[in-house]
Amino acid sequence: MVSKKKGNGAQALSVEQTEEASVSHGPTHDQIRLRAYQLYLERGAHPGQELDDWLRAEREFQKVALTRGWNRLEERRERGSEDRK
């Protein structure tokens, strides 16, 4: 699946990748590998930055997990304040 660029130039993970990562509470080795390969292709398939691609892929998945976790906390907090009314 092809990812799309965001306005700030960062690459977005595909919906399928983010959903799979959030369900299992972390990305699989294969998900990270696939995203790192996508990053490699996006930068012109030039060798020599494999570790950077891998680490960036991990960070992208971590960012998605943190954002989803934060959103869940906010939802719980809102439900809790509604229950107290």
C-alpha atoms as a PDB file:
ATOM      1  CA  MET A   1       0.000   0.000   0.000  1.00  0.00           C
ATOM      2  CA  VAL A   2       1.355   3.425  -0.889  1.00  0.00           C
ATOM      3  CA  SER A   3       1.579   6.079   1.780  1.00  0.00           C
ATOM      4  CA  LYS A   4       0.718   9.718   1.257  1.00  0.00           C
ATOM      5  CA  LYS A   5       2.661  12.799   2.261  1.00  0.00           C
ATOM      6  CA  LYS A   6       1.354  15.084   4.957  1.00  0.00           C
ATOM      7  CA  GLY A   7       1.622  18.830   4.676  1.00  0.00           C
ATOM      8  CA  ASN A   8       4.754  18.943   6.845  1.00  0.00           C
ATOM      9  CA  GLY A   9       6.654  16.546   4.570  1.00  0.00           C
ATOM     10  CA  ALA A  10       6.422  13.561   6.940  1.00  0.00           C
ATOM     11  CA  GLN A  11       5.243  10.262   5.565  1.00  0.00           C
ATOM     12  CA  ALA A  12       1.975   8.866   6.840  1.00  0.00           C
ATOM     13  CA  LEU A  13       1.514   5.189   7.572  1.00  0.00           C
ATOM     14  CA  SER A  14      -1.174   3.391   5.668  1.00  0.00           C
ATOM     15  CA  VAL A  15      -4.473   2.865   7.471  1.00  0.00           C
ATOM     16  CA  GLU A  16      -3.960  -0.884   7.314  1.00  0.00           C
ATOM     17  CA  GLN A  17      -0.540  -0.629   8.952  1.00  0.00           C
ATOM     18  CA  THR A  18      -1.733   1.607  11.778  1.00  0.00           C
ATOM     19  CA  GLU A  19      -4.812  -0.504  12.509  1.00  0.00           C
ATOM     20  CA  GLU A  20      -2.751  -3.689  12.684  1.00  0.00           C
ATOM     21  CA  ALA A  21      -0.193  -2.045  14.959  1.00  0.00           C
ATOM     22  CA  SER A  22      -2.803  -0.652  17.331  1.00  0.00           C
ATOM     23  CA  VAL A  23      -4.683  -3.948  17.640  1.00  0.00           C
ATOM     24  CA  SER A  24      -1.550  -5.863  18.636  1.00  0.00           C
ATOM     25  CA  HIS A  25      -0.270  -2.982  20.826  1.00  0.00           C
ATOM     26  CA  GLY A  26       2.890  -2.749  18.784  1.00  0.00           C
ATOM     27  CA  PRO A  27       4.151  -3.238  15.283  1.00  0.00           C
ATOM     28  CA  THR A  28       5.397  -6.595  14.139  1.00  0.00           C
ATOM     29  CA  HIS A  29       8.851  -7.106  12.714  1.00  0.00           C
ATOM     30  CA  ASP A  30       7.293  -7.506   9.259  1.00  0.00           C
ATOM     31  CA  GLN A  31       5.338  -4.243   9.564  1.00  0.00           C
ATOM     32  CA  ILE A  32       8.496  -2.334  10.457  1.00  0.00           C
ATOM     33  CA  ARG A  33      10.407  -4.083   7.665  1.00  0.00           C
ATOM     34  CA  LEU A  34       7.736  -3.176   5.119  1.00  0.00           C
ATOM     35  CA  ARG A  35       7.626   0.466   6.208  1.00  0.00           C
ATOM     36  CA  ALA A  36      11.435   0.696   6.187  1.00  0.00           C
ATOM     37  CA  TYR A  37      11.417  -0.672   2.644  1.00  0.00           C
ATOM     38  CA  GLN A  38       8.791   1.900   1.641  1.00  0.00           C
ATOM     39  CA  LEU A  39      11.005   4.652   3.055  1.00  0.00           C
ATOM     40  CA  TYR A  40      13.973   3.252   1.120  1.00  0.00           C
ATOM     41  CA  LEU A  41      11.961   3.382  -2.103  1.00  0.00           C
ATOM     42  CA  GLU A  42      10.669   6.887  -1.332  1.00  0.00           C
ATOM     43  CA  ARG A  43      14.198   8.226  -1.064  1.00  0.00           C
ATOM     44  CA  GLY A  44      15.153   6.791  -4.449  1.00  0.00           C
ATOM     45  CA  ALA A  45      16.300   3.274  -3.480  1.00  0.00           C
ATOM     46  CA  HIS A  46      19.803   4.504  -2.624  1.00  0.00           C
ATOM     47  CA  PRO A  47      21.607   2.071  -0.280  1.00  0.00           C
ATOM     48  CA  GLY A  48      23.458   3.081   2.858  1.00  0.00           C
ATOM     49  CA  GLN A  49      20.698   4.366   5.128  1.00  0.00           C
ATOM     50  CA  GLU A  50      19.050   1.090   6.087  1.00  0.00           C
ATOM     51  CA  LEU A  51      19.350   1.700   9.823  1.00  0.00           C
ATOM     52  CA  ASP A  52      17.906   5.199   9.485  1.00  0.00           C
ATOM     53  CA  ASP A  53      14.970   3.800   7.499  1.00  0.00           C
ATOM     54  CA  TRP A  54      14.362   1.109  10.124  1.00  0.00           C
ATOM     55  CA  LEU A  55      14.508   3.531  13.038  1.00  0.00           C
ATOM     56  CA  ARG A  56      12.224   6.009  11.283  1.00  0.00           C
ATOM     57  CA  ALA A  57       9.710   3.232  10.623  1.00  0.00           C
ATOM     58  CA  GLU A  58       9.772   2.295  14.319  1.00  0.00           C
ATOM     59  CA  ARG A  59       9.285   5.937  15.342  1.00  0.00           C
ATOM     60  CA  GLU A  60       6.308   6.303  13.010  1.00  0.00           C
ATOM     61  CA  PHE A  61       4.611   3.285  14.566  1.00  0.00           C
ATOM     62  CA  GLN A  62       5.422   4.520  18.083  1.00  0.00           C
ATOM     63  CA  LYS A  63       3.945   7.914  17.282  1.00  0.00           C
ATOM     64  CA  VAL A  64       0.720   6.283  16.079  1.00  0.00           C
ATOM     65  CA  ALA A  65       0.533   4.140  19.226  1.00  0.00           C
ATOM     66  CA  LEU A  66       1.130   7.140  21.499  1.00  0.00           C
ATOM     67  CA  THR A  67      -1.474   9.231  19.709  1.00  0.00           C
ATOM     68  CA  ARG A  68      -4.065   6.479  19.951  1.00  0.00           C
ATOM     69  CA  GLY A  69      -3.243   5.933  23.621  1.00  0.00           C
ATOM     70  CA  TRP A  70      -3.602   9.646  24.305  1.00  0.00           C
ATOM     71  CA  ASN A  71      -6.942   9.747  22.503  1.00  0.00           C
ATOM     72  CA  ARG A  72      -8.202   6.835  24.601  1.00  0.00           C
ATOM     73  CA  LEU A  73      -7.154   8.633  27.797  1.00  0.00           C
ATOM     74  CA  GLU A  74      -8.978  11.768  26.701  1.00  0.00           C
ATOM     75  CA  GLU A  75     -12.129   9.744  25.929  1.00  0.00           C
ATOM     76  CA  ARG A  76     -12.022   8.085  29.358  1.00  0.00           C
ATOM     77  CA  ARG A  77     -11.503  11.427  31.058  1.00  0.00           C
ATOM     78  CA  GLU A  78     -14.445  12.946  29.194  1.00  0.00           C
ATOM     79  CA  ARG A  79     -16.680   9.981  30.056  1.00  0.00           C
ATOM     80  CA  GLY A  80     -15.606  10.223  33.672  1.00  0.00           C
ATOM     81  CA  SER A  81     -16.502  13.920  33.886  1.00  0.00           C
ATOM     82  CA  GLU A  82     -19.883  13.231  32.250  1.00  0.00           C
ATOM     83  CA  ASP A  83     -20.630  10.497  34.794  1.00  0.00           C
ATOM     84  CA  ARG A  84     -20.008  12.916  37.670  1.00  0.00           C
ATOM     85  CA  LYS A  85     -22.638  15.368  36.402  1.00  0.00           C
END
